[in-house]
Protein backbone atom coordinates (compact mmCIF):
# COMPACT_ATOMS: atom_id res chain seq x y z
CA UNK A 1 170.24 -36.32 23.90
CA UNK A 2 171.30 -39.94 24.07
CA UNK A 3 169.67 -42.46 21.74
CA UNK A 4 169.95 -46.12 22.65
CA UNK A 5 169.93 -48.77 19.92
CA UNK A 6 167.92 -51.78 21.09
CA UNK A 7 168.57 -53.97 18.04
CA UNK A 8 166.81 -54.79 14.78
CA UNK A 9 165.86 -51.21 13.97
CA UNK A 10 164.50 -50.41 17.42
CA UNK A 11 165.61 -47.28 19.22
CA UNK A 12 164.86 -45.80 22.61
CA UNK A 13 164.63 -42.00 22.86
CA UNK A 14 164.70 -40.83 26.47
CA UNK A 15 162.24 -38.11 27.45
CA UNK A 16 163.61 -34.60 27.21
CA UNK A 17 162.06 -32.01 29.51
CA UNK A 18 163.59 -29.01 27.81
CA UNK A 19 165.65 -28.28 24.77
CA UNK A 20 168.95 -26.54 25.35
CA UNK A 21 169.61 -23.69 22.97
CA UNK A 22 172.69 -21.63 22.36
CA UNK A 23 172.62 -18.17 23.89
CA UNK A 24 172.04 -15.30 21.49
CA UNK A 25 175.20 -13.56 20.37
CA UNK A 26 175.58 -10.02 21.66
CA UNK A 27 177.00 -7.41 19.33
CA UNK A 28 177.81 -3.82 20.22
CA UNK A 29 175.76 -0.98 18.76
CA UNK A 30 178.91 0.20 16.97
CA UNK A 31 179.36 -3.18 15.28
CA UNK A 32 175.70 -3.27 14.22
CA UNK A 33 176.00 0.24 12.77
CA UNK A 34 179.11 -0.76 10.82
CA UNK A 35 177.34 -3.77 9.33
CA UNK A 36 174.23 -1.75 8.46
CA UNK A 37 176.38 0.97 6.81
CA UNK A 38 177.98 -1.65 4.59
CA UNK A 39 174.55 -2.75 3.38
CA UNK A 40 173.05 0.73 3.03
CA UNK A 41 175.95 2.96 1.98
CA UNK A 42 178.19 0.53 0.13
CA UNK A 43 175.32 -1.21 -1.68
CA UNK A 44 176.44 -4.64 -0.54
CA UNK A 45 173.93 -7.45 -0.32
CA UNK A 46 172.92 -8.78 3.07
CA UNK A 47 174.24 -12.18 1.96
CA UNK A 48 177.72 -10.83 1.18
CA UNK A 49 177.90 -8.97 4.50
CA UNK A 50 176.72 -11.98 6.50
CA UNK A 51 179.34 -14.15 4.81
CA UNK A 52 182.09 -11.62 5.53
CA UNK A 53 181.19 -11.31 9.23
CA UNK A 54 179.91 -14.86 9.82
CA UNK A 55 176.44 -13.63 10.79
CA UNK A 56 172.91 -14.88 10.18
CA UNK A 57 171.08 -13.16 7.31
CA UNK A 58 167.88 -12.75 9.35
CA UNK A 59 169.81 -10.92 12.06
CA UNK A 60 171.40 -8.46 9.64
CA UNK A 61 168.06 -7.99 7.90
CA UNK A 62 166.50 -7.09 11.25
CA UNK A 63 169.26 -4.55 11.94
CA UNK A 64 168.78 -2.96 8.51
CA UNK A 65 164.98 -2.83 8.96
CA UNK A 66 165.35 -1.11 12.33
CA UNK A 67 167.73 1.43 10.81
CA UNK A 68 165.30 2.21 7.99
CA UNK A 69 162.37 2.88 10.37
């Protein structure tokens, strides 16, 4: 989005019809299983695993929840 400064604290925000989002990352089932095993079997916290693999905590939490079902 481009914001235009008009002067003296005035800004113009052009209309945006849609917000562009980043595509969801795709991880293999093998990778997901490895991450879940680290949480379940190695008693690591979700936070430590997400930091190690540069993942989002909510994503790993979802994987763990699906495994536990």
